[in-house]
Amino acid sequence: MAKRKGGTGFTGTLLLIVLAVLLYYFLTKESAKTPRTPPVSTEDTPPSEKRTKRRPQSSPRRKDTEPDQPITVTSYEYAFEKEKDFGLPSAVAKDCEIVRHLAYTLCYAEPYEQAAWVAYQLTATEVRGAAERENDFRPDPEVSSGSATPEDYRASGYDRGHLAPAADFKFSPEVMSESFFMSNMSPQAPDFNRHIWERLESRVREWVRRDKVFYVVTGPVLKKGLPTIGRRNKVAVPEQYYKIILHLKKPTPKAIAFLMPNEGSEKPLKSFVVSIDEVEQVTGFDFFPHLPDDLEAQLEGSAHTKAWFPR
């Protein structure tokens, strides 16, 4: 009897051990099935996970302080210079296509096969560069309708006259090369292009070496009924050209405008000075529309020469 009783005690102990093992296994398995709830606080979140959190694509970060301009602006005298496309004329005609290049923007008027205006910022540093002319006249690939070509000017008696002069972009061979796009050319009489017009361009570069930064807008006066050159493209021959320079320097900003006939002249440059308002009347454009009204009236309402031609 004692032998049988001992066997029964061993069997009971073994049963208890088996039950305990099964219970532990069951509890462990159920715990694994239950997901762990993440903590509300992010204090224990690894730094790498915090950095990889991405902003929704529907609301990208905007750079409101960086203007979308055709030129590099290093500093501003006035807050309104930060306006988008400050320096570009407004009231653009429906048949005028905005084309942006590295250092200048133009408005290509397809019916006349040339730009109605070219606008850019000019700095003293840019005109002191060492880039050389390559004279690589060629069509502008950015004009959607196709620009004029060098062949349109061949044997016409007119020069391929720069609106934005190549010498204004001596800081970069690539930018200077872009100045030879035919969208930046206009038919100019040789005596005009090589003399009085070149004198004006050179004088502007002299001024900017002194004054450091200008906004420049240049273009032909386009109108219906102008004579044309070219067989493939009918390029209008303008009767007049304008150039406007704005210098925004506190406390004495200044501006000047020139309106010149497309012909040679021995007259002094000062004799071609007009008000910006007068250029607006003959072109239909509003120049520097982001200027405050009082400053616009001051700079554009009359012809100013004293600050530019002291004598």
C-alpha atoms as a PDB file:
ATOM      1  CA  MET A   1       0.000   0.000   0.000  1.00  0.00           C
ATOM      2  CA  ALA A   2       2.810   2.434   0.796  1.00  0.00           C
ATOM      3  CA  LYS A   3       4.381   1.812  -2.643  1.00  0.00           C
ATOM      4  CA  ARG A   4       1.142   2.577  -4.504  1.00  0.00           C
ATOM      5  CA  LYS A   5       0.537   5.763  -2.484  1.00  0.00           C
ATOM      6  CA  GLY A   6       3.988   7.126  -3.417  1.00  0.00           C
ATOM      7  CA  GLY A   7       3.309   6.530  -7.147  1.00  0.00           C
ATOM      8  CA  THR A   8       0.116   8.474  -6.917  1.00  0.00           C
ATOM      9  CA  GLY A   9       1.896  11.511  -5.354  1.00  0.00           C
ATOM     10  CA  PHE A  10       4.497  11.579  -8.148  1.00  0.00           C
ATOM     11  CA  THR A  11       1.786  11.468 -10.777  1.00  0.00           C
ATOM     12  CA  GLY A  12      -0.038  14.398  -9.174  1.00  0.00           C
ATOM     13  CA  THR A  13       3.072  16.504  -9.085  1.00  0.00           C
ATOM     14  CA  LEU A  14       3.747  15.780 -12.741  1.00  0.00           C
ATOM     15  CA  LEU A  15       0.199  16.796 -13.645  1.00  0.00           C
ATOM     16  CA  LEU A  16       0.602  20.129 -11.848  1.00  0.00           C
ATOM     17  CA  ILE A  17       3.826  20.863 -13.735  1.00  0.00           C
ATOM     18  CA  VAL A  18       2.195  20.089 -17.094  1.00  0.00           C
ATOM     19  CA  LEU A  19      -0.778  22.311 -16.301  1.00  0.00           C
ATOM     20  CA  ALA A  20       1.509  25.189 -15.282  1.00  0.00           C
ATOM     21  CA  VAL A  21       3.484  24.916 -18.541  1.00  0.00           C
ATOM     22  CA  LEU A  22       0.285  24.888 -20.619  1.00  0.00           C
ATOM     23  CA  LEU A  23      -1.095  27.887 -18.742  1.00  0.00           C
ATOM     24  CA  TYR A  24       2.154  29.879 -19.292  1.00  0.00           C
ATOM     25  CA  TYR A  25       2.163  28.996 -23.004  1.00  0.00           C
ATOM     26  CA  PHE A  26      -1.460  30.070 -23.395  1.00  0.00           C
ATOM     27  CA  LEU A  27      -0.970  33.398 -21.637  1.00  0.00           C
ATOM     28  CA  THR A  28       2.199  34.209 -23.641  1.00  0.00           C
ATOM     29  CA  LYS A  29       0.472  33.475 -26.942  1.00  0.00           C
ATOM     30  CA  GLU A  30      -2.519  35.727 -26.155  1.00  0.00           C
ATOM     31  CA  SER A  31      -0.227  38.548 -25.109  1.00  0.00           C
ATOM     32  CA  ALA A  32       1.594  38.355 -28.458  1.00  0.00           C
ATOM     33  CA  LYS A  33      -1.704  38.693 -30.332  1.00  0.00           C
ATOM     34  CA  THR A  34      -2.642  41.898 -28.505  1.00  0.00           C
ATOM     35  CA  PRO A  35      -1.121  45.019 -30.218  1.00  0.00           C
ATOM     36  CA  ARG A  36       0.851  47.425 -28.077  1.00  0.00           C
ATOM     37  CA  THR A  37      -0.702  50.856 -27.810  1.00  0.00           C
ATOM     38  CA  PRO A  38       1.823  53.600 -28.661  1.00  0.00           C
ATOM     39  CA  PRO A  39       2.343  56.321 -26.058  1.00  0.00           C
ATOM     40  CA  VAL A  40       0.702  59.666 -26.619  1.00  0.00           C
ATOM     41  CA  SER A  41       3.880  61.569 -25.820  1.00  0.00           C
ATOM     42  CA  THR A  42       6.626  61.756 -28.443  1.00  0.00           C
ATOM     43  CA  GLU A  43       9.398  62.329 -25.928  1.00  0.00           C
ATOM     44  CA  ASP A  44      10.672  58.764 -26.390  1.00  0.00           C
ATOM     45  CA  THR A  45      10.372  58.837 -30.198  1.00  0.00           C
ATOM     46  CA  PRO A  46      13.787  58.255 -31.797  1.00  0.00           C
ATOM     47  CA  PRO A  47      15.180  61.450 -33.437  1.00  0.00           C
ATOM     48  CA  SER A  48      15.487  59.718 -36.796  1.00  0.00           C
ATOM     49  CA  GLU A  49      11.737  59.019 -36.856  1.00  0.00           C
ATOM     50  CA  LYS A  50      10.936  62.658 -36.037  1.00  0.00           C
ATOM     51  CA  ARG A  51      13.092  63.936 -38.905  1.00  0.00           C
ATOM     52  CA  THR A  52      11.444  61.707 -41.490  1.00  0.00           C
ATOM     53  CA  LYS A  53       7.976  63.142 -40.886  1.00  0.00           C
ATOM     54  CA  ARG A  54       6.974  64.762 -44.175  1.00  0.00           C
ATOM     55  CA  ARG A  55       4.788  67.762 -44.939  1.00  0.00           C
ATOM     56  CA  PRO A  56       1.678  66.925 -47.021  1.00  0.00           C
ATOM     57  CA  GLN A  57       2.298  67.646 -50.694  1.00  0.00           C
ATOM     58  CA  SER A  58      -0.953  69.566 -50.936  1.00  0.00           C
ATOM     59  CA  SER A  59       0.511  72.412 -48.868  1.00  0.00           C
ATOM     60  CA  PRO A  60       4.136  72.943 -49.923  1.00  0.00           C
ATOM     61  CA  ARG A  61       6.309  75.451 -48.147  1.00  0.00           C
ATOM     62  CA  ARG A  62       6.234  78.795 -49.942  1.00  0.00           C
ATOM     63  CA  LYS A  63       9.170  81.152 -50.272  1.00  0.00           C
ATOM     64  CA  ASP A  64       7.244  84.380 -50.041  1.00  0.00           C
ATOM     65  CA  THR A  65      10.386  86.420 -49.531  1.00  0.00           C
ATOM     66  CA  GLU A  66      12.008  85.378 -52.806  1.00  0.00           C
ATOM     67  CA  PRO A  67      10.723  87.222 -55.886  1.00  0.00           C
ATOM     68  CA  ASP A  68      10.290  85.414 -59.168  1.00  0.00           C
ATOM     69  CA  GLN A  69      12.370  87.771 -61.287  1.00  0.00           C
ATOM     70  CA  PRO A  70      14.472  87.333 -64.423  1.00  0.00           C
ATOM     71  CA  ILE A  71      17.539  88.698 -62.635  1.00  0.00           C
ATOM     72  CA  THR A  72      19.557  88.100 -59.489  1.00  0.00           C
ATOM     73  CA  VAL A  73      18.762  90.582 -56.742  1.00  0.00           C
ATOM     74  CA  THR A  74      21.353  90.829 -53.997  1.00  0.00           C
ATOM     75  CA  SER A  75      19.696  93.478 -51.847  1.00  0.00           C
ATOM     76  CA  TYR A  76      16.673  95.774 -51.767  1.00  0.00           C
ATOM     77  CA  GLU A  77      16.302  99.446 -50.974  1.00  0.00           C
ATOM     78  CA  TYR A  78      12.500  99.256 -50.850  1.00  0.00           C
ATOM     79  CA  ALA A  79      10.086  96.503 -49.817  1.00  0.00           C
ATOM     80  CA  PHE A  80       8.069  96.823 -53.039  1.00  0.00           C
ATOM     81  CA  GLU A  81      11.093  95.588 -55.008  1.00  0.00           C
ATOM     82  CA  LYS A  82      10.241  92.131 -53.647  1.00  0.00           C
ATOM     83  CA  GLU A  83       7.011  92.087 -55.651  1.00  0.00           C
ATOM     84  CA  LYS A  84       6.818  89.276 -58.186  1.00  0.00           C
ATOM     85  CA  ASP A  85       8.273  90.393 -61.523  1.00  0.00           C
ATOM     86  CA  PHE A  86       9.166  93.841 -60.269  1.00  0.00           C
ATOM     87  CA  GLY A  87      10.792  95.627 -63.190  1.00  0.00           C
ATOM     88  CA  LEU A  88       8.561  94.108 -65.874  1.00  0.00           C
ATOM     89  CA  PRO A  89       5.990  96.291 -67.663  1.00  0.00           C
ATOM     90  CA  SER A  90       2.305  95.461 -67.310  1.00  0.00           C
ATOM     91  CA  ALA A  91      -0.664  95.741 -69.686  1.00  0.00           C
ATOM     92  CA  VAL A  92       0.937  93.150 -71.946  1.00  0.00           C
ATOM     93  CA  ALA A  93      -0.859  92.720 -75.252  1.00  0.00           C
ATOM     94  CA  LYS A  94      -2.528  89.364 -75.883  1.00  0.00           C
ATOM     95  CA  ASP A  95      -0.186  88.626 -78.785  1.00  0.00           C
ATOM     96  CA  CYS A  96       2.946  89.250 -76.678  1.00  0.00           C
ATOM     97  CA  GLU A  97       4.637  86.172 -75.191  1.00  0.00           C
ATOM     98  CA  ILE A  98       6.714  86.399 -72.022  1.00  0.00           C
ATOM     99  CA  VAL A  99      10.051  84.601 -72.476  1.00  0.00           C
ATOM    100  CA  ARG A 100      12.509  84.272 -69.587  1.00  0.00           C
ATOM    101  CA  HIS A 101      16.234  83.782 -70.024  1.00  0.00           C
ATOM    102  CA  LEU A 102      19.017  83.594 -67.460  1.00  0.00           C
ATOM    103  CA  ALA A 103      19.565  87.331 -67.029  1.00  0.00           C
ATOM    104  CA  TYR A 104      16.737  89.039 -68.880  1.00  0.00           C
ATOM    105  CA  THR A 105      13.049  88.673 -69.692  1.00  0.00           C
ATOM    106  CA  LEU A 106      11.404  89.738 -72.929  1.00  0.00           C
ATOM    107  CA  CYS A 107       7.930  90.068 -74.374  1.00  0.00           C
ATOM    108  CA  TYR A 108       7.945  88.622 -77.897  1.00  0.00           C
ATOM    109  CA  ALA A 109       5.441  90.248 -80.282  1.00  0.00           C
ATOM    110  CA  GLU A 110       4.851  87.609 -82.953  1.00  0.00           C
ATOM    111  CA  PRO A 111       3.117  89.941 -85.477  1.00  0.00           C
ATOM    112  CA  TYR A 112       6.279  92.063 -85.537  1.00  0.00           C
ATOM    113  CA  GLU A 113       8.820  89.211 -85.088  1.00  0.00           C
ATOM    114  CA  GLN A 114      10.709  90.943 -82.278  1.00  0.00           C
ATOM    115  CA  ALA A 115      10.404  91.804 -78.616  1.00  0.00           C
ATOM    116  CA  ALA A 116       8.134  94.652 -77.585  1.00  0.00           C
ATOM    117  CA  TRP A 117      10.378  95.066 -74.542  1.00  0.00           C
ATOM    118  CA  VAL A 118      13.370  93.497 -72.830  1.00  0.00           C
ATOM    119  CA  ALA A 119      13.778  93.974 -69.068  1.00  0.00           C
ATOM    120  CA  TYR A 120      16.585  93.122 -66.678  1.00  0.00           C
ATOM    121  CA  GLN A 121      18.565  94.282 -63.679  1.00  0.00           C
ATOM    122  CA  LEU A 122      22.018  95.651 -64.438  1.00  0.00           C
ATOM    123  CA  THR A 123      24.796  95.769 -61.837  1.00  0.00           C
ATOM    124  CA  ALA A 124      28.285  97.246 -61.749  1.00  0.00           C
ATOM    125  CA  THR A 125      29.788  93.790 -61.272  1.00  0.00           C
ATOM    126  CA  GLU A 126      28.142  92.382 -64.387  1.00  0.00           C
ATOM    127  CA  VAL A 127      29.556  94.969 -66.778  1.00  0.00           C
ATOM    128  CA  ARG A 128      33.098  94.430 -65.466  1.00  0.00           C
ATOM    129  CA  GLY A 129      33.309  90.772 -66.525  1.00  0.00           C
ATOM    130  CA  ALA A 130      35.659  89.263 -69.077  1.00  0.00           C
ATOM    131  CA  ALA A 131      33.286  87.334 -71.372  1.00  0.00           C
ATOM    132  CA  GLU A 132      33.922  87.952 -75.077  1.00  0.00           C
ATOM    133  CA  ARG A 133      31.427  88.315 -77.917  1.00  0.00           C
ATOM    134  CA  GLU A 134      30.907  85.206 -80.024  1.00  0.00           C
ATOM    135  CA  ASN A 135      28.377  86.760 -82.422  1.00  0.00           C
ATOM    136  CA  ASP A 136      26.395  83.516 -82.348  1.00  0.00           C
ATOM    137  CA  PHE A 137      23.150  84.962 -83.706  1.00  0.00           C
ATOM    138  CA  ARG A 138      20.467  82.248 -83.698  1.00  0.00           C
ATOM    139  CA  PRO A 139      16.712  81.737 -83.310  1.00  0.00           C
ATOM    140  CA  ASP A 140      15.315  81.730 -79.787  1.00  0.00           C
ATOM    141  CA  PRO A 141      14.186  78.175 -78.911  1.00  0.00           C
ATOM    142  CA  GLU A 142      11.973  79.485 -76.088  1.00  0.00           C
ATOM    143  CA  VAL A 143       9.627  81.442 -78.361  1.00  0.00           C
ATOM    144  CA  SER A 144       6.699  79.076 -78.859  1.00  0.00           C
ATOM    145  CA  SER A 145       5.696  80.485 -82.260  1.00  0.00           C
ATOM    146  CA  GLY A 146       9.283  80.595 -83.505  1.00  0.00           C
ATOM    147  CA  SER A 147      11.409  83.716 -83.531  1.00  0.00           C
ATOM    148  CA  ALA A 148      12.970  85.602 -86.411  1.00  0.00           C
ATOM    149  CA  THR A 149      16.146  84.119 -87.900  1.00  0.00           C
ATOM    150  CA  PRO A 150      19.484  85.600 -89.022  1.00  0.00           C
ATOM    151  CA  GLU A 151      18.419  84.986 -92.626  1.00  0.00           C
ATOM    152  CA  ASP A 152      15.534  87.433 -92.205  1.00  0.00           C
ATOM    153  CA  TYR A 153      18.084  90.259 -91.895  1.00  0.00           C
ATOM    154  CA  ARG A 154      20.395  89.147 -94.698  1.00  0.00           C
ATOM    155  CA  ALA A 155      20.897  91.805 -97.413  1.00  0.00           C
ATOM    156  CA  SER A 156      18.193  93.941 -95.782  1.00  0.00           C
ATOM    157  CA  GLY A 157      20.373  96.987 -95.156  1.00  0.00           C
ATOM    158  CA  TYR A 158      19.595  96.831 -91.419  1.00  0.00           C
ATOM    159  CA  ASP A 159      21.734  95.677 -88.503  1.00  0.00           C
ATOM    160  CA  ARG A 160      20.673  92.977 -86.091  1.00  0.00           C
ATOM    161  CA  GLY A 161      20.477  95.515 -83.289  1.00  0.00           C
ATOM    162  CA  HIS A 162      20.587  94.298 -79.678  1.00  0.00           C
ATOM    163  CA  LEU A 163      17.844  95.487 -77.350  1.00  0.00           C
ATOM    164  CA  ALA A 164      19.672  94.151 -74.292  1.00  0.00           C
ATOM    165  CA  PRO A 165      23.301  94.803 -75.316  1.00  0.00           C
ATOM    166  CA  ALA A 166      25.820  91.956 -75.140  1.00  0.00           C
ATOM    167  CA  ALA A 167      28.297  94.112 -73.215  1.00  0.00           C
ATOM    168  CA  ASP A 168      25.811  94.342 -70.322  1.00  0.00           C
ATOM    169  CA  PHE A 169      26.390  90.627 -69.688  1.00  0.00           C
ATOM    170  CA  LYS A 170      30.178  90.359 -69.624  1.00  0.00           C
ATOM    171  CA  PHE A 171      30.010  88.508 -66.305  1.00  0.00           C
ATOM    172  CA  SER A 172      29.021  85.212 -67.989  1.00  0.00           C
ATOM    173  CA  PRO A 173      29.817  83.666 -71.399  1.00  0.00           C
ATOM    174  CA  GLU A 174      26.534  81.722 -71.263  1.00  0.00           C
ATOM    175  CA  VAL A 175      24.433  84.785 -70.512  1.00  0.00           C
ATOM    176  CA  MET A 176      26.246  86.844 -73.141  1.00  0.00           C
ATOM    177  CA  SER A 177      25.576  84.080 -75.653  1.00  0.00           C
ATOM    178  CA  GLU A 178      21.857  84.246 -74.839  1.00  0.00           C
ATOM    179  CA  SER A 179      21.882  87.930 -75.740  1.00  0.00           C
ATOM    180  CA  PHE A 180      22.416  86.824 -79.358  1.00  0.00           C
ATOM    181  CA  PHE A 181      19.017  85.126 -79.577  1.00  0.00           C
ATOM    182  CA  MET A 182      17.138  86.714 -82.456  1.00  0.00           C
ATOM    183  CA  SER A 183      14.273  87.535 -80.082  1.00  0.00           C
ATOM    184  CA  ASN A 184      16.621  90.171 -78.637  1.00  0.00           C
ATOM    185  CA  MET A 185      17.261  91.725 -82.066  1.00  0.00           C
ATOM    186  CA  SER A 186      15.476  94.479 -83.935  1.00  0.00           C
ATOM    187  CA  PRO A 187      16.180  95.968 -87.397  1.00  0.00           C
ATOM    188  CA  GLN A 188      18.246  99.071 -86.732  1.00  0.00           C
ATOM    189  CA  ALA A 189      19.737 101.469 -89.254  1.00  0.00           C
ATOM    190  CA  PRO A 190      23.535 101.021 -89.232  1.00  0.00           C
ATOM    191  CA  ASP A 191      24.156 104.717 -88.479  1.00  0.00           C
ATOM    192  CA  PHE A 192      21.827 104.404 -85.507  1.00  0.00           C
ATOM    193  CA  ASN A 193      22.991 101.047 -84.111  1.00  0.00           C
ATOM    194  CA  ARG A 194      26.709 101.701 -84.420  1.00  0.00           C
ATOM    195  CA  HIS A 195      26.742 105.288 -83.230  1.00  0.00           C
ATOM    196  CA  ILE A 196      24.057 107.082 -81.198  1.00  0.00           C
ATOM    197  CA  TRP A 197      22.480 103.853 -79.860  1.00  0.00           C
ATOM    198  CA  GLU A 198      25.878 102.438 -78.936  1.00  0.00           C
ATOM    199  CA  ARG A 199      26.725 105.729 -77.220  1.00  0.00           C
ATOM    200  CA  LEU A 200      23.613 105.410 -75.087  1.00  0.00           C
ATOM    201  CA  GLU A 201      24.408 101.807 -74.159  1.00  0.00           C
ATOM    202  CA  SER A 202      27.951 102.754 -73.176  1.00  0.00           C
ATOM    203  CA  ARG A 203      26.727 105.708 -71.113  1.00  0.00           C
ATOM    204  CA  VAL A 204      24.336 103.436 -69.174  1.00  0.00           C
ATOM    205  CA  ARG A 205      27.270 101.160 -68.298  1.00  0.00           C
ATOM    206  CA  GLU A 206      29.269 104.189 -67.125  1.00  0.00           C
ATOM    207  CA  TRP A 207      26.370 105.232 -64.916  1.00  0.00           C
ATOM    208  CA  VAL A 208      25.892 101.792 -63.377  1.00  0.00           C
ATOM    209  CA  ARG A 209      29.575 101.577 -62.435  1.00  0.00           C
ATOM    210  CA  ARG A 210      28.895 104.640 -60.320  1.00  0.00           C
ATOM    211  CA  ASP A 211      25.378 103.870 -59.086  1.00  0.00           C
ATOM    212  CA  LYS A 212      25.796 100.064 -58.681  1.00  0.00           C
ATOM    213  CA  VAL A 213      22.291  98.771 -59.592  1.00  0.00           C
ATOM    214  CA  PHE A 214      19.729  99.687 -62.284  1.00  0.00           C
ATOM    215  CA  TYR A 215      16.461  98.311 -63.600  1.00  0.00           C
ATOM    216  CA  VAL A 216      16.500  98.629 -67.407  1.00  0.00           C
ATOM    217  CA  VAL A 217      13.682  98.295 -69.942  1.00  0.00           C
ATOM    218  CA  THR A 218      14.406  98.673 -73.659  1.00  0.00           C
ATOM    219  CA  GLY A 219      12.324  98.158 -76.779  1.00  0.00           C
ATOM    220  CA  PRO A 220      11.057  99.342 -80.153  1.00  0.00           C
ATOM    221  CA  VAL A 221       7.894 101.360 -80.642  1.00  0.00           C
ATOM    222  CA  LEU A 222       5.692  98.886 -82.510  1.00  0.00           C
ATOM    223  CA  LYS A 223       2.573  99.811 -84.437  1.00  0.00           C
ATOM    224  CA  LYS A 224       0.613  98.654 -87.449  1.00  0.00           C
ATOM    225  CA  GLY A 225       1.777  99.621 -90.911  1.00  0.00           C
ATOM    226  CA  LEU A 226       5.533  99.494 -90.323  1.00  0.00           C
ATOM    227  CA  PRO A 227       7.698  98.352 -93.263  1.00  0.00           C
ATOM    228  CA  THR A 228       9.128  94.841 -92.972  1.00  0.00           C
ATOM    229  CA  ILE A 229      12.211  92.850 -93.940  1.00  0.00           C
ATOM    230  CA  GLY A 230      12.652  89.124 -94.413  1.00  0.00           C
ATOM    231  CA  ARG A 231      11.080  86.540 -96.693  1.00  0.00           C
ATOM    232  CA  ARG A 232      10.212  83.734 -94.303  1.00  0.00           C
ATOM    233  CA  ASN A 233       9.347  86.001 -91.372  1.00  0.00           C
ATOM    234  CA  LYS A 234       8.095  89.538 -91.796  1.00  0.00           C
ATOM    235  CA  VAL A 235      10.171  91.533 -89.320  1.00  0.00           C
ATOM    236  CA  ALA A 236       8.826  95.037 -88.717  1.00  0.00           C
ATOM    237  CA  VAL A 237      11.269  97.951 -88.962  1.00  0.00           C
ATOM    238  CA  PRO A 238      10.542 100.339 -86.078  1.00  0.00           C
ATOM    239  CA  GLU A 239      10.686 104.098 -86.457  1.00  0.00           C
ATOM    240  CA  GLN A 240      11.668 104.682 -82.808  1.00  0.00           C
ATOM    241  CA  TYR A 241      13.342 102.958 -79.853  1.00  0.00           C
ATOM    242  CA  TYR A 242      13.149 103.648 -76.134  1.00  0.00           C
ATOM    243  CA  LYS A 243      15.317 102.900 -73.128  1.00  0.00           C
ATOM    244  CA  ILE A 244      14.259 103.457 -69.499  1.00  0.00           C
ATOM    245  CA  ILE A 245      16.570 103.278 -66.469  1.00  0.00           C
ATOM    246  CA  LEU A 246      15.380 103.184 -62.850  1.00  0.00           C
ATOM    247  CA  HIS A 247      17.755 103.616 -59.900  1.00  0.00           C
ATOM    248  CA  LEU A 248      16.195 102.932 -56.496  1.00  0.00           C
ATOM    249  CA  LYS A 249      18.547 104.334 -53.919  1.00  0.00           C
ATOM    250  CA  LYS A 250      17.377 105.969 -50.714  1.00  0.00           C
ATOM    251  CA  PRO A 251      16.838 108.791 -50.121  1.00  0.00           C
ATOM    252  CA  THR A 252      16.966 109.988 -53.746  1.00  0.00           C
ATOM    253  CA  PRO A 253      15.668 107.414 -56.267  1.00  0.00           C
ATOM    254  CA  LYS A 254      15.843 108.543 -59.870  1.00  0.00           C
ATOM    255  CA  ALA A 255      14.778 107.493 -63.356  1.00  0.00           C
ATOM    256  CA  ILE A 256      15.366 108.568 -66.937  1.00  0.00           C
ATOM    257  CA  ALA A 257      13.850 107.681 -70.316  1.00  0.00           C
ATOM    258  CA  PHE A 258      15.071 108.083 -73.886  1.00  0.00           C
ATOM    259  CA  LEU A 259      13.021 108.024 -77.084  1.00  0.00           C
ATOM    260  CA  MET A 260      15.141 107.972 -80.242  1.00  0.00           C
ATOM    261  CA  PRO A 261      14.420 107.770 -83.995  1.00  0.00           C
ATOM    262  CA  ASN A 262      15.872 104.818 -85.891  1.00  0.00           C
ATOM    263  CA  GLU A 263      18.439 106.905 -87.721  1.00  0.00           C
ATOM    264  CA  GLY A 264      21.906 108.308 -87.236  1.00  0.00           C
ATOM    265  CA  SER A 265      22.325 111.474 -85.208  1.00  0.00           C
ATOM    266  CA  GLU A 266      25.082 113.728 -83.912  1.00  0.00           C
ATOM    267  CA  LYS A 267      22.865 115.277 -81.255  1.00  0.00           C
ATOM    268  CA  PRO A 268      23.807 114.897 -77.587  1.00  0.00           C
ATOM    269  CA  LEU A 269      22.095 112.078 -75.696  1.00  0.00           C
ATOM    270  CA  LYS A 270      20.455 114.596 -73.408  1.00  0.00           C
ATOM    271  CA  SER A 271      18.353 115.883 -76.313  1.00  0.00           C
ATOM    272  CA  PHE A 272      16.496 112.522 -76.507  1.00  0.00           C
ATOM    273  CA  VAL A 273      15.369 112.496 -72.873  1.00  0.00           C
ATOM    274  CA  VAL A 274      11.586 112.293 -72.374  1.00  0.00           C
ATOM    275  CA  SER A 275       9.328 111.423 -69.467  1.00  0.00           C
ATOM    276  CA  ILE A 276       8.468 107.788 -68.804  1.00  0.00           C
ATOM    277  CA  ASP A 277       4.820 108.778 -69.157  1.00  0.00           C
ATOM    278  CA  GLU A 278       5.525 109.795 -72.752  1.00  0.00           C
ATOM    279  CA  VAL A 279       7.030 106.387 -73.531  1.00  0.00           C
ATOM    280  CA  GLU A 280       3.989 104.758 -71.947  1.00  0.00           C
ATOM    281  CA  GLN A 281       1.729 106.763 -74.255  1.00  0.00           C
ATOM    282  CA  VAL A 282       3.455 105.637 -77.455  1.00  0.00           C
ATOM    283  CA  THR A 283       3.901 101.983 -76.403  1.00  0.00           C
ATOM    284  CA  GLY A 284       0.768 101.223 -74.365  1.00  0.00           C
ATOM    285  CA  PHE A 285       2.800  99.687 -71.533  1.00  0.00           C
ATOM    286  CA  ASP A 286       2.806 100.620 -67.868  1.00  0.00           C
ATOM    287  CA  PHE A 287       6.425 100.681 -66.730  1.00  0.00           C
ATOM    288  CA  PHE A 288       7.325  99.794 -63.140  1.00  0.00           C
ATOM    289  CA  PRO A 289       3.691  99.244 -62.085  1.00  0.00           C
ATOM    290  CA  HIS A 290       4.721  98.150 -58.566  1.00  0.00           C
ATOM    291  CA  LEU A 291       6.028 101.596 -57.655  1.00  0.00           C
ATOM    292  CA  PRO A 292       3.866 103.370 -55.043  1.00  0.00           C
ATOM    293  CA  ASP A 293       1.649 105.962 -56.725  1.00  0.00           C
ATOM    294  CA  ASP A 294       3.385 108.972 -55.212  1.00  0.00           C
ATOM    295  CA  LEU A 295       6.850 107.742 -56.169  1.00  0.00           C
ATOM    296  CA  GLU A 296       5.639 106.706 -59.622  1.00  0.00           C
ATOM    297  CA  ALA A 297       4.245 110.185 -60.246  1.00  0.00           C
ATOM    298  CA  GLN A 298       7.494 111.754 -59.059  1.00  0.00           C
ATOM    299  CA  LEU A 299       9.753 109.580 -61.242  1.00  0.00           C
ATOM    300  CA  GLU A 300       7.615 109.159 -64.352  1.00  0.00           C
ATOM    301  CA  GLY A 301       5.710 112.412 -64.733  1.00  0.00           C
ATOM    302  CA  SER A 302       8.477 114.611 -66.106  1.00  0.00           C
ATOM    303  CA  ALA A 303      11.815 114.382 -67.881  1.00  0.00           C
ATOM    304  CA  HIS A 304      14.670 114.333 -65.386  1.00  0.00           C
ATOM    305  CA  THR A 305      18.208 115.123 -66.553  1.00  0.00           C
ATOM    306  CA  LYS A 306      19.995 116.907 -63.712  1.00  0.00           C
ATOM    307  CA  ALA A 307      20.794 113.747 -61.731  1.00  0.00           C
ATOM    308  CA  TRP A 308      22.119 112.065 -64.886  1.00  0.00           C
ATOM    309  CA  PHE A 309      23.684 114.913 -66.854  1.00  0.00           C
ATOM    310  CA  PRO A 310      25.070 117.309 -64.226  1.00  0.00           C
ATOM    311  CA  ARG A 311      26.294 119.750 -66.884  1.00  0.00           C
END
